[in-house]
Amino acid sequence: MDDALDILTGLRAAEEAERLEPLELAIHYIEGQRGWIGDYGAWRKLWLPVGSGLVEPVINWRAKRRGMRWKRENANAVVAIWVR
């Protein structure tokens, strides 16, 4: 993730003014989601599953039902229980 931020911030000087806004949005998103994104390389070294393919259909089914609203921390708890 730090590599991605380094590359994106390095592009700031080279970009034309009209293309800076999407670049700034990407940088802001990655910085804001740093704790949520995690370290995929470290997880792979520990042989932990990285993809969401195993639980995504179940979570999506539950989260997208009529009237359902989930907070991120509640969804995280359900995923943690499901994966165990």
PDB file of N, CA and C in Angstrom:
ATOM      1  N   MET A   1       0.823  -1.177   0.000  1.00  0.00           N
ATOM      2  CA  MET A   1       0.000   0.000   0.000  1.00  0.00           C
ATOM      3  C   MET A   1       0.876   1.252   0.000  1.00  0.00           C
ATOM      4  N   ASP A   2       1.965   1.215   0.751  1.00  0.00           N
ATOM      5  CA  ASP A   2       2.865   2.366   0.757  1.00  0.00           C
ATOM      6  C   ASP A   2       3.456   2.594  -0.630  1.00  0.00           C
ATOM      7  N   ASP A   3       3.743   1.505  -1.340  1.00  0.00           N
ATOM      8  CA  ASP A   3       4.267   1.642  -2.703  1.00  0.00           C
ATOM      9  C   ASP A   3       3.257   2.350  -3.602  1.00  0.00           C
ATOM     10  N   ALA A   4       1.990   1.974  -3.477  1.00  0.00           N
ATOM     11  CA  ALA A   4       0.938   2.599  -4.289  1.00  0.00           C
ATOM     12  C   ALA A   4       0.839   4.087  -3.973  1.00  0.00           C
ATOM     13  N   LEU A   5       0.882   4.425  -2.692  1.00  0.00           N
ATOM     14  CA  LEU A   5       0.822   5.843  -2.310  1.00  0.00           C
ATOM     15  C   LEU A   5       2.033   6.612  -2.822  1.00  0.00           C
ATOM     16  N   ASP A   6       3.214   5.994  -2.758  1.00  0.00           N
ATOM     17  CA  ASP A   6       4.415   6.650  -3.266  1.00  0.00           C
ATOM     18  C   ASP A   6       4.293   6.941  -4.761  1.00  0.00           C
ATOM     19  N   ILE A   7       3.780   5.963  -5.505  1.00  0.00           N
ATOM     20  CA  ILE A   7       3.619   6.146  -6.952  1.00  0.00           C
ATOM     21  C   ILE A   7       2.600   7.240  -7.235  1.00  0.00           C
ATOM     22  N   LEU A   8       1.470   7.189  -6.553  1.00  0.00           N
ATOM     23  CA  LEU A   8       0.417   8.182  -6.794  1.00  0.00           C
ATOM     24  C   LEU A   8       0.860   9.591  -6.424  1.00  0.00           C
ATOM     25  N   THR A   9       1.510   9.733  -5.285  1.00  0.00           N
ATOM     26  CA  THR A   9       1.954  11.067  -4.891  1.00  0.00           C
ATOM     27  C   THR A   9       3.068  11.560  -5.812  1.00  0.00           C
ATOM     28  N   GLY A  10       3.867  10.643  -6.350  1.00  0.00           N
ATOM     29  CA  GLY A  10       4.901  11.019  -7.301  1.00  0.00           C
ATOM     30  C   GLY A  10       4.336  11.532  -8.615  1.00  0.00           C
ATOM     31  N   LEU A  11       3.127  11.107  -8.948  1.00  0.00           N
ATOM     32  CA  LEU A  11       2.483  11.544 -10.183  1.00  0.00           C
ATOM     33  C   LEU A  11       1.944  12.971 -10.103  1.00  0.00           C
ATOM     34  N   ARG A  12       1.776  13.481  -8.896  1.00  0.00           N
ATOM     35  CA  ARG A  12       1.198  14.824  -8.732  1.00  0.00           C
ATOM     36  C   ARG A  12       1.913  15.872  -9.587  1.00  0.00           C
ATOM     37  N   ALA A  13       3.228  15.878  -9.573  1.00  0.00           N
ATOM     38  CA  ALA A  13       4.002  16.900 -10.278  1.00  0.00           C
ATOM     39  C   ALA A  13       3.895  16.741 -11.794  1.00  0.00           C
ATOM     40  N   ALA A  14       3.700  15.523 -12.257  1.00  0.00           N
ATOM     41  CA  ALA A  14       3.688  15.258 -13.693  1.00  0.00           C
ATOM     42  C   ALA A  14       2.310  15.430 -14.325  1.00  0.00           C
ATOM     43  N   GLU A  15       1.273  15.427 -13.526  1.00  0.00           N
ATOM     44  CA  GLU A  15      -0.085  15.465 -14.074  1.00  0.00           C
ATOM     45  C   GLU A  15      -0.520  16.871 -14.450  1.00  0.00           C
ATOM     46  N   GLU A  16      -1.373  16.910 -15.442  1.00  0.00           N
ATOM     47  CA  GLU A  16      -1.981  18.173 -15.850  1.00  0.00           C
ATOM     48  C   GLU A  16      -3.086  18.509 -14.847  1.00  0.00           C
ATOM     49  N   ALA A  17      -3.406  19.776 -14.725  1.00  0.00           N
ATOM     50  CA  ALA A  17      -4.350  20.249 -13.711  1.00  0.00           C
ATOM     51  C   ALA A  17      -5.688  19.528 -13.770  1.00  0.00           C
ATOM     52  N   GLU A  18      -6.218  19.264 -14.974  1.00  0.00           N
ATOM     53  CA  GLU A  18      -7.547  18.649 -15.064  1.00  0.00           C
ATOM     54  C   GLU A  18      -7.544  17.188 -14.627  1.00  0.00           C
ATOM     55  N   ARG A  19      -6.368  16.577 -14.551  1.00  0.00           N
ATOM     56  CA  ARG A  19      -6.309  15.175 -14.130  1.00  0.00           C
ATOM     57  C   ARG A  19      -5.866  15.026 -12.680  1.00  0.00           C
ATOM     58  N   LEU A  20      -5.656  16.125 -11.986  1.00  0.00           N
ATOM     59  CA  LEU A  20      -5.227  16.053 -10.594  1.00  0.00           C
ATOM     60  C   LEU A  20      -6.344  15.640  -9.649  1.00  0.00           C
ATOM     61  N   GLU A  21      -7.566  16.040  -9.927  1.00  0.00           N
ATOM     62  CA  GLU A  21      -8.660  15.725  -9.003  1.00  0.00           C
ATOM     63  C   GLU A  21      -8.847  14.215  -8.817  1.00  0.00           C
ATOM     64  N   PRO A  22      -8.935  13.416  -9.883  1.00  0.00           N
ATOM     65  CA  PRO A  22      -9.060  11.964  -9.672  1.00  0.00           C
ATOM     66  C   PRO A  22      -7.859  11.372  -8.939  1.00  0.00           C
ATOM     67  N   LEU A  23      -6.679  11.895  -9.219  1.00  0.00           N
ATOM     68  CA  LEU A  23      -5.477  11.424  -8.533  1.00  0.00           C
ATOM     69  C   LEU A  23      -5.557  11.730  -7.048  1.00  0.00           C
ATOM     70  N   GLU A  24      -5.968  12.950  -6.701  1.00  0.00           N
ATOM     71  CA  GLU A  24      -6.111  13.327  -5.293  1.00  0.00           C
ATOM     72  C   GLU A  24      -7.178  12.483  -4.604  1.00  0.00           C
ATOM     73  N   LEU A  25      -8.255  12.178  -5.313  1.00  0.00           N
ATOM     74  CA  LEU A  25      -9.300  11.322  -4.743  1.00  0.00           C
ATOM     75  C   LEU A  25      -8.762   9.930  -4.449  1.00  0.00           C
ATOM     76  N   ALA A  26      -7.958   9.389  -5.348  1.00  0.00           N
ATOM     77  CA  ALA A  26      -7.373   8.062  -5.134  1.00  0.00           C
ATOM     78  C   ALA A  26      -6.434   8.068  -3.936  1.00  0.00           C
ATOM     79  N   ILE A  27      -5.598   9.084  -3.841  1.00  0.00           N
ATOM     80  CA  ILE A  27      -4.669   9.192  -2.709  1.00  0.00           C
ATOM     81  C   ILE A  27      -5.447   9.313  -1.401  1.00  0.00           C
ATOM     82  N   HIS A  28      -6.449  10.171  -1.390  1.00  0.00           N
ATOM     83  CA  HIS A  28      -7.268  10.362  -0.184  1.00  0.00           C
ATOM     84  C   HIS A  28      -7.964   9.055   0.215  1.00  0.00           C
ATOM     85  N   TYR A  29      -8.484   8.324  -0.763  1.00  0.00           N
ATOM     86  CA  TYR A  29      -9.165   7.056  -0.470  1.00  0.00           C
ATOM     87  C   TYR A  29      -8.207   6.049   0.163  1.00  0.00           C
ATOM     88  N   ILE A  30      -7.045   5.874  -0.436  1.00  0.00           N
ATOM     89  CA  ILE A  30      -6.088   4.890   0.091  1.00  0.00           C
ATOM     90  C   ILE A  30      -5.631   5.280   1.485  1.00  0.00           C
ATOM     91  N   GLU A  31      -5.348   6.561   1.698  1.00  0.00           N
ATOM     92  CA  GLU A  31      -4.929   7.004   3.031  1.00  0.00           C
ATOM     93  C   GLU A  31      -6.038   6.787   4.057  1.00  0.00           C
ATOM     94  N   GLY A  32      -7.268   7.056   3.684  1.00  0.00           N
ATOM     95  CA  GLY A  32      -8.389   6.895   4.600  1.00  0.00           C
ATOM     96  C   GLY A  32      -8.752   5.456   4.889  1.00  0.00           C
ATOM     97  N   GLN A  33      -8.440   4.565   3.948  1.00  0.00           N
ATOM     98  CA  GLN A  33      -8.792   3.153   4.105  1.00  0.00           C
ATOM     99  C   GLN A  33      -7.608   2.290   4.537  1.00  0.00           C
ATOM    100  N   ARG A  34      -6.510   2.914   4.884  1.00  0.00           N
ATOM    101  CA  ARG A  34      -5.285   2.176   5.231  1.00  0.00           C
ATOM    102  C   ARG A  34      -5.549   1.057   6.241  1.00  0.00           C
ATOM    103  N   GLY A  35      -6.253   1.353   7.299  1.00  0.00           N
ATOM    104  CA  GLY A  35      -6.530   0.338   8.318  1.00  0.00           C
ATOM    105  C   GLY A  35      -7.476  -0.746   7.843  1.00  0.00           C
ATOM    106  N   TRP A  36      -8.339  -0.419   6.933  1.00  0.00           N
ATOM    107  CA  TRP A  36      -9.328  -1.368   6.428  1.00  0.00           C
ATOM    108  C   TRP A  36      -8.739  -2.257   5.334  1.00  0.00           C
ATOM    109  N   ILE A  37      -7.863  -1.715   4.510  1.00  0.00           N
ATOM    110  CA  ILE A  37      -7.324  -2.458   3.383  1.00  0.00           C
ATOM    111  C   ILE A  37      -6.471  -3.630   3.850  1.00  0.00           C
ATOM    112  N   GLY A  38      -5.626  -3.429   4.826  1.00  0.00           N
ATOM    113  CA  GLY A  38      -4.818  -4.522   5.346  1.00  0.00           C
ATOM    114  C   GLY A  38      -3.568  -4.790   4.528  1.00  0.00           C
ATOM    115  N   ASP A  39      -2.851  -5.828   4.919  1.00  0.00           N
ATOM    116  CA  ASP A  39      -1.583  -6.182   4.292  1.00  0.00           C
ATOM    117  C   ASP A  39      -1.722  -7.542   3.621  1.00  0.00           C
ATOM    118  N   TYR A  40      -2.125  -7.521   2.364  1.00  0.00           N
ATOM    119  CA  TYR A  40      -2.377  -8.756   1.640  1.00  0.00           C
ATOM    120  C   TYR A  40      -1.128  -9.628   1.533  1.00  0.00           C
ATOM    121  N   GLY A  41       0.031  -9.001   1.346  1.00  0.00           N
ATOM    122  CA  GLY A  41       1.272  -9.766   1.237  1.00  0.00           C
ATOM    123  C   GLY A  41       1.560 -10.549   2.501  1.00  0.00           C
ATOM    124  N   ALA A  42       1.376  -9.921   3.661  1.00  0.00           N
ATOM    125  CA  ALA A  42       1.610 -10.601   4.939  1.00  0.00           C
ATOM    126  C   ALA A  42       0.608 -11.732   5.131  1.00  0.00           C
ATOM    127  N   TRP A  43      -0.636 -11.518   4.742  1.00  0.00           N
ATOM    128  CA  TRP A  43      -1.653 -12.563   4.884  1.00  0.00           C
ATOM    129  C   TRP A  43      -1.329 -13.760   4.003  1.00  0.00           C
ATOM    130  N   ARG A  44      -0.866 -13.486   2.794  1.00  0.00           N
ATOM    131  CA  ARG A  44      -0.514 -14.593   1.884  1.00  0.00           C
ATOM    132  C   ARG A  44       0.658 -15.406   2.432  1.00  0.00           C
ATOM    133  N   LYS A  45       1.635 -14.724   3.036  1.00  0.00           N
ATOM    134  CA  LYS A  45       2.776 -15.429   3.629  1.00  0.00           C
ATOM    135  C   LYS A  45       2.331 -16.354   4.755  1.00  0.00           C
ATOM    136  N   LEU A  46       1.248 -15.998   5.426  1.00  0.00           N
ATOM    137  CA  LEU A  46       0.702 -16.825   6.510  1.00  0.00           C
ATOM    138  C   LEU A  46      -0.311 -17.847   5.992  1.00  0.00           C
ATOM    139  N   TRP A  47      -0.465 -17.932   4.684  1.00  0.00           N
ATOM    140  CA  TRP A  47      -1.408 -18.860   4.030  1.00  0.00           C
ATOM    141  C   TRP A  47      -2.852 -18.587   4.432  1.00  0.00           C
ATOM    142  N   LEU A  48      -3.161 -17.334   4.701  1.00  0.00           N
ATOM    143  CA  LEU A  48      -4.531 -16.959   5.035  1.00  0.00           C
ATOM    144  C   LEU A  48      -5.281 -16.610   3.747  1.00  0.00           C
ATOM    145  N   PRO A  49      -6.570 -16.915   3.683  1.00  0.00           N
ATOM    146  CA  PRO A  49      -7.329 -16.575   2.483  1.00  0.00           C
ATOM    147  C   PRO A  49      -7.439 -15.056   2.337  1.00  0.00           C
ATOM    148  N   VAL A  50      -7.223 -14.572   1.128  1.00  0.00           N
ATOM    149  CA  VAL A  50      -7.240 -13.139   0.881  1.00  0.00           C
ATOM    150  C   VAL A  50      -8.520 -12.730   0.171  1.00  0.00           C
ATOM    151  N   GLY A  51      -9.012 -13.536  -0.709  1.00  0.00           N
ATOM    152  CA  GLY A  51     -10.200 -13.188  -1.485  1.00  0.00           C
ATOM    153  C   GLY A  51     -11.460 -13.221  -0.659  1.00  0.00           C
ATOM    154  N   SER A  52     -12.489 -12.579  -1.167  1.00  0.00           N
ATOM    155  CA  SER A  52     -13.768 -12.542  -0.464  1.00  0.00           C
ATOM    156  C   SER A  52     -14.757 -13.544  -1.050  1.00  0.00           C
ATOM    157  N   GLY A  53     -14.305 -14.359  -1.975  1.00  0.00           N
ATOM    158  CA  GLY A  53     -15.193 -15.259  -2.690  1.00  0.00           C
ATOM    159  C   GLY A  53     -15.949 -16.244  -1.822  1.00  0.00           C
ATOM    160  N   LEU A  54     -15.370 -16.636  -0.691  1.00  0.00           N
ATOM    161  CA  LEU A  54     -16.013 -17.630   0.160  1.00  0.00           C
ATOM    162  C   LEU A  54     -17.225 -17.085   0.905  1.00  0.00           C
ATOM    163  N   VAL A  55     -17.163 -15.855   1.338  1.00  0.00           N
ATOM    164  CA  VAL A  55     -18.232 -15.310   2.176  1.00  0.00           C
ATOM    165  C   VAL A  55     -19.048 -14.217   1.511  1.00  0.00           C
ATOM    166  N   GLU A  56     -18.544 -13.682   0.423  1.00  0.00           N
ATOM    167  CA  GLU A  56     -19.219 -12.548  -0.201  1.00  0.00           C
ATOM    168  C   GLU A  56     -20.668 -12.830  -0.573  1.00  0.00           C
ATOM    169  N   PRO A  57     -20.987 -13.986  -1.166  1.00  0.00           N
ATOM    170  CA  PRO A  57     -22.401 -14.223  -1.502  1.00  0.00           C
ATOM    171  C   PRO A  57     -23.320 -14.216  -0.281  1.00  0.00           C
ATOM    172  N   VAL A  58     -22.849 -14.764   0.818  1.00  0.00           N
ATOM    173  CA  VAL A  58     -23.675 -14.811   2.031  1.00  0.00           C
ATOM    174  C   VAL A  58     -23.853 -13.407   2.603  1.00  0.00           C
ATOM    175  N   ILE A  59     -22.772 -12.664   2.699  1.00  0.00           N
ATOM    176  CA  ILE A  59     -22.848 -11.320   3.248  1.00  0.00           C
ATOM    177  C   ILE A  59     -23.696 -10.423   2.342  1.00  0.00           C
ATOM    178  N   ASN A  60     -23.467 -10.522   1.040  1.00  0.00           N
ATOM    179  CA  ASN A  60     -24.253  -9.709   0.111  1.00  0.00           C
ATOM    180  C   ASN A  60     -25.735 -10.048   0.207  1.00  0.00           C
ATOM    181  N   TRP A  61     -26.047 -11.329   0.306  1.00  0.00           N
ATOM    182  CA  TRP A  61     -27.458 -11.734   0.410  1.00  0.00           C
ATOM    183  C   TRP A  61     -28.085 -11.098   1.638  1.00  0.00           C
ATOM    184  N   ARG A  62     -27.379 -11.143   2.755  1.00  0.00           N
ATOM    185  CA  ARG A  62     -27.913 -10.606   4.004  1.00  0.00           C
ATOM    186  C   ARG A  62     -27.933  -9.083   3.998  1.00  0.00           C
ATOM    187  N   ALA A  63     -26.878  -8.465   3.480  1.00  0.00           N
ATOM    188  CA  ALA A  63     -26.756  -7.013   3.551  1.00  0.00           C
ATOM    189  C   ALA A  63     -27.661  -6.300   2.549  1.00  0.00           C
ATOM    190  N   LYS A  64     -28.056  -6.992   1.497  1.00  0.00           N
ATOM    191  CA  LYS A  64     -28.813  -6.318   0.442  1.00  0.00           C
ATOM    192  C   LYS A  64     -30.303  -6.630   0.471  1.00  0.00           C
ATOM    193  N   ARG A  65     -30.777  -7.234   1.531  1.00  0.00           N
ATOM    194  CA  ARG A  65     -32.210  -7.495   1.636  1.00  0.00           C
ATOM    195  C   ARG A  65     -32.946  -6.190   1.896  1.00  0.00           C
ATOM    196  N   ARG A  66     -34.200  -6.168   1.555  1.00  0.00           N
ATOM    197  CA  ARG A  66     -35.006  -4.953   1.707  1.00  0.00           C
ATOM    198  C   ARG A  66     -34.963  -4.455   3.153  1.00  0.00           C
ATOM    199  N   GLY A  67     -34.660  -3.181   3.290  1.00  0.00           N
ATOM    200  CA  GLY A  67     -34.653  -2.545   4.604  1.00  0.00           C
ATOM    201  C   GLY A  67     -33.401  -2.791   5.423  1.00  0.00           C
ATOM    202  N   MET A  68     -32.459  -3.553   4.912  1.00  0.00           N
ATOM    203  CA  MET A  68     -31.247  -3.862   5.678  1.00  0.00           C
ATOM    204  C   MET A  68     -30.241  -2.726   5.544  1.00  0.00           C
ATOM    205  N   ARG A  69     -29.713  -2.300   6.649  1.00  0.00           N
ATOM    206  CA  ARG A  69     -28.645  -1.309   6.670  1.00  0.00           C
ATOM    207  C   ARG A  69     -27.580  -1.823   7.628  1.00  0.00           C
ATOM    208  N   TRP A  70     -26.377  -1.893   7.153  1.00  0.00           N
ATOM    209  CA  TRP A  70     -25.294  -2.422   7.966  1.00  0.00           C
ATOM    210  C   TRP A  70     -24.252  -1.352   8.218  1.00  0.00           C
ATOM    211  N   LYS A  71     -23.731  -1.360   9.428  1.00  0.00           N
ATOM    212  CA  LYS A  71     -22.553  -0.576   9.734  1.00  0.00           C
ATOM    213  C   LYS A  71     -21.348  -1.461   9.441  1.00  0.00           C
ATOM    214  N   ARG A  72     -20.254  -0.850   9.026  1.00  0.00           N
ATOM    215  CA  ARG A  72     -19.058  -1.618   8.670  1.00  0.00           C
ATOM    216  C   ARG A  72     -18.606  -2.526   9.808  1.00  0.00           C
ATOM    217  N   GLU A  73     -18.583  -2.018  11.051  1.00  0.00           N
ATOM    218  CA  GLU A  73     -18.099  -2.833  12.169  1.00  0.00           C
ATOM    219  C   GLU A  73     -19.003  -4.042  12.415  1.00  0.00           C
ATOM    220  N   ASN A  74     -20.301  -3.894  12.184  1.00  0.00           N
ATOM    221  CA  ASN A  74     -21.202  -5.031  12.347  1.00  0.00           C
ATOM    222  C   ASN A  74     -20.983  -6.064  11.252  1.00  0.00           C
ATOM    223  N   ALA A  75     -20.772  -5.603  10.028  1.00  0.00           N
ATOM    224  CA  ALA A  75     -20.502  -6.523   8.923  1.00  0.00           C
ATOM    225  C   ALA A  75     -19.177  -7.254   9.171  1.00  0.00           C
ATOM    226  N   ASN A  76     -18.190  -6.530   9.681  1.00  0.00           N
ATOM    227  CA  ASN A  76     -16.892  -7.157   9.992  1.00  0.00           C
ATOM    228  C   ASN A  76     -17.069  -8.280  11.007  1.00  0.00           C
ATOM    229  N   ALA A  77     -17.888  -8.053  12.017  1.00  0.00           N
ATOM    230  CA  ALA A  77     -18.117  -9.075  13.043  1.00  0.00           C
ATOM    231  C   ALA A  77     -18.773 -10.310  12.441  1.00  0.00           C
ATOM    232  N   VAL A  78     -19.729 -10.122  11.570  1.00  0.00           N
ATOM    233  CA  VAL A  78     -20.400 -11.262  10.935  1.00  0.00           C
ATOM    234  C   VAL A  78     -19.420 -12.036  10.057  1.00  0.00           C
ATOM    235  N   VAL A  79     -18.610 -11.325   9.315  1.00  0.00           N
ATOM    236  CA  VAL A  79     -17.600 -11.990   8.470  1.00  0.00           C
ATOM    237  C   VAL A  79     -16.639 -12.782   9.342  1.00  0.00           C
ATOM    238  N   ALA A  80     -16.187 -12.210  10.442  1.00  0.00           N
ATOM    239  CA  ALA A  80     -15.261 -12.895  11.333  1.00  0.00           C
ATOM    240  C   ALA A  80     -15.869 -14.183  11.873  1.00  0.00           C
ATOM    241  N   ILE A  81     -17.122 -14.161  12.223  1.00  0.00           N
ATOM    242  CA  ILE A  81     -17.794 -15.367  12.717  1.00  0.00           C
ATOM    243  C   ILE A  81     -17.926 -16.390  11.604  1.00  0.00           C
ATOM    244  N   TRP A  82     -18.304 -15.935  10.405  1.00  0.00           N
ATOM    245  CA  TRP A  82     -18.535 -16.839   9.276  1.00  0.00           C
ATOM    246  C   TRP A  82     -17.243 -17.541   8.852  1.00  0.00           C
ATOM    247  N   VAL A  83     -16.131 -16.821   8.866  1.00  0.00           N
ATOM    248  CA  VAL A  83     -14.858 -17.368   8.388  1.00  0.00           C
ATOM    249  C   VAL A  83     -14.300 -18.386   9.369  1.00  0.00           C
ATOM    250  N   ARG A  84     -14.566 -18.209  10.632  1.00  0.00           N
ATOM    251  CA  ARG A  84     -14.035 -19.154  11.629  1.00  0.00           C
ATOM    252  C   ARG A  84     -14.643 -20.467  11.398  1.00  0.00           C
TER     253      ARG A  84
END
